[in-house]
Amino acid sequence: MICVSKYELEESIKYGFDKSKLILIYNGVPRKRFYDKKTTGNNINLLFIGRLDYQKGFDILISAMEKNLLMVILN
């Protein structure tokens, strides 16, 4: 089984999953790929990939959005 965080891995072990059948693969993109990227203008682009549920805090993100924010949502 693939776990996407150390917490998820530890919880899986705690709930009885066979440790030898678990693998930890972090989700995400290496940050260093984007260090040299320059922005133009005052607009902010945001890409959200994930399930739209309360735990993700999506409601907080929407309420905090500014007018110059472009958000693309992939559910």
C-alpha atoms as a PDB file:
ATOM      1  CA  MET A   1       0.000   0.000   0.000  1.00  0.00           C
ATOM      2  CA  ILE A   2       1.279   3.477  -0.802  1.00  0.00           C
ATOM      3  CA  CYS A   3       1.274   6.004   2.055  1.00  0.00           C
ATOM      4  CA  VAL A   4       1.712   9.682   1.180  1.00  0.00           C
ATOM      5  CA  SER A   5       2.944  10.853   4.597  1.00  0.00           C
ATOM      6  CA  LYS A   6       4.888   9.498   7.553  1.00  0.00           C
ATOM      7  CA  TYR A   7       1.774   9.943   9.687  1.00  0.00           C
ATOM      8  CA  GLU A   8      -0.276   7.832   7.275  1.00  0.00           C
ATOM      9  CA  LEU A   9       2.425   5.145   7.302  1.00  0.00           C
ATOM     10  CA  GLU A  10       2.542   5.051  11.107  1.00  0.00           C
ATOM     11  CA  GLU A  11      -1.258   4.957  11.373  1.00  0.00           C
ATOM     12  CA  SER A  12      -1.418   2.081   8.889  1.00  0.00           C
ATOM     13  CA  ILE A  13       1.065   0.104  10.978  1.00  0.00           C
ATOM     14  CA  LYS A  14      -0.891   0.959  14.128  1.00  0.00           C
ATOM     15  CA  TYR A  15      -4.082  -0.406  12.552  1.00  0.00           C
ATOM     16  CA  GLY A  16      -2.408  -3.701  11.712  1.00  0.00           C
ATOM     17  CA  PHE A  17      -1.232  -3.378   8.127  1.00  0.00           C
ATOM     18  CA  ASP A  18       1.841  -5.467   7.322  1.00  0.00           C
ATOM     19  CA  LYS A  19       4.815  -3.071   7.446  1.00  0.00           C
ATOM     20  CA  SER A  20       6.603  -4.991   4.680  1.00  0.00           C
ATOM     21  CA  LYS A  21       3.701  -4.230   2.317  1.00  0.00           C
ATOM     22  CA  LEU A  22       3.720  -0.471   2.966  1.00  0.00           C
ATOM     23  CA  ILE A  23       5.767   2.075   1.053  1.00  0.00           C
ATOM     24  CA  LEU A  24       6.133   5.808   1.699  1.00  0.00           C
ATOM     25  CA  ILE A  25       5.948   8.023  -1.392  1.00  0.00           C
ATOM     26  CA  TYR A  26       5.428  11.700  -0.671  1.00  0.00           C
ATOM     27  CA  ASN A  27       3.012  13.603  -2.879  1.00  0.00           C
ATOM     28  CA  GLY A  28       4.181  16.874  -4.221  1.00  0.00           C
ATOM     29  CA  VAL A  29       6.623  18.538  -6.524  1.00  0.00           C
ATOM     30  CA  PRO A  30      10.236  19.353  -5.654  1.00  0.00           C
ATOM     31  CA  ARG A  31      10.327  23.012  -4.627  1.00  0.00           C
ATOM     32  CA  LYS A  32      13.704  23.643  -6.254  1.00  0.00           C
ATOM     33  CA  ARG A  33      12.064  23.318  -9.684  1.00  0.00           C
ATOM     34  CA  PHE A  34      10.345  26.648  -9.088  1.00  0.00           C
ATOM     35  CA  TYR A  35      12.939  28.735  -7.222  1.00  0.00           C
ATOM     36  CA  ASP A  36      14.112  30.598 -10.312  1.00  0.00           C
ATOM     37  CA  LYS A  37      10.667  31.342 -11.675  1.00  0.00           C
ATOM     38  CA  LYS A  38       9.885  35.037 -11.922  1.00  0.00           C
ATOM     39  CA  THR A  39       6.383  36.420 -11.708  1.00  0.00           C
ATOM     40  CA  THR A  40       4.985  39.177 -13.845  1.00  0.00           C
ATOM     41  CA  GLY A  41       2.391  41.640 -12.694  1.00  0.00           C
ATOM     42  CA  ASN A  42       0.399  41.486  -9.490  1.00  0.00           C
ATOM     43  CA  ASN A  43      -1.694  38.430 -10.254  1.00  0.00           C
ATOM     44  CA  ILE A  44      -1.371  35.234  -8.253  1.00  0.00           C
ATOM     45  CA  ASN A  45      -2.011  31.851  -9.875  1.00  0.00           C
ATOM     46  CA  LEU A  46      -2.995  28.961  -7.632  1.00  0.00           C
ATOM     47  CA  LEU A  47      -3.558  25.343  -8.597  1.00  0.00           C
ATOM     48  CA  PHE A  48      -5.516  23.201  -6.135  1.00  0.00           C
ATOM     49  CA  ILE A  49      -5.484  19.441  -6.677  1.00  0.00           C
ATOM     50  CA  GLY A  50      -7.341  17.342  -4.152  1.00  0.00           C
ATOM     51  CA  ARG A  51     -10.680  16.376  -2.807  1.00  0.00           C
ATOM     52  CA  LEU A  52     -12.999  19.201  -1.899  1.00  0.00           C
ATOM     53  CA  ASP A  53     -13.878  18.432   1.682  1.00  0.00           C
ATOM     54  CA  TYR A  54     -13.866  20.245   4.985  1.00  0.00           C
ATOM     55  CA  GLN A  55     -10.619  18.652   6.214  1.00  0.00           C
ATOM     56  CA  LYS A  56      -8.641  20.289   3.410  1.00  0.00           C
ATOM     57  CA  GLY A  57      -9.669  23.784   4.551  1.00  0.00           C
ATOM     58  CA  PHE A  58     -10.930  24.696   1.107  1.00  0.00           C
ATOM     59  CA  ASP A  59     -13.632  26.910   2.625  1.00  0.00           C
ATOM     60  CA  ILE A  60     -10.928  28.995   4.329  1.00  0.00           C
ATOM     61  CA  LEU A  61      -9.028  29.364   1.070  1.00  0.00           C
ATOM     62  CA  ILE A  62     -12.088  30.637  -0.774  1.00  0.00           C
ATOM     63  CA  SER A  63     -12.940  33.163   1.950  1.00  0.00           C
ATOM     64  CA  ALA A  64      -9.342  34.445   1.963  1.00  0.00           C
ATOM     65  CA  MET A  65      -9.068  34.841  -1.807  1.00  0.00           C
ATOM     66  CA  GLU A  66      -8.239  38.212  -3.246  1.00  0.00           C
ATOM     67  CA  LYS A  67      -9.599  39.617  -6.482  1.00  0.00           C
ATOM     68  CA  ASN A  68      -6.277  39.247  -8.284  1.00  0.00           C
ATOM     69  CA  LEU A  69      -6.100  35.494  -7.660  1.00  0.00           C
ATOM     70  CA  LEU A  70      -6.667  32.965 -10.424  1.00  0.00           C
ATOM     71  CA  MET A  71      -7.533  29.569  -8.986  1.00  0.00           C
ATOM     72  CA  VAL A  72      -7.784  26.348 -10.973  1.00  0.00           C
ATOM     73  CA  ILE A  73      -9.490  23.508  -9.103  1.00  0.00           C
ATOM     74  CA  LEU A  74      -8.971  19.852 -10.024  1.00  0.00           C
ATOM     75  CA  ASN A  75     -11.081  17.514  -7.950  1.00  0.00           C
END
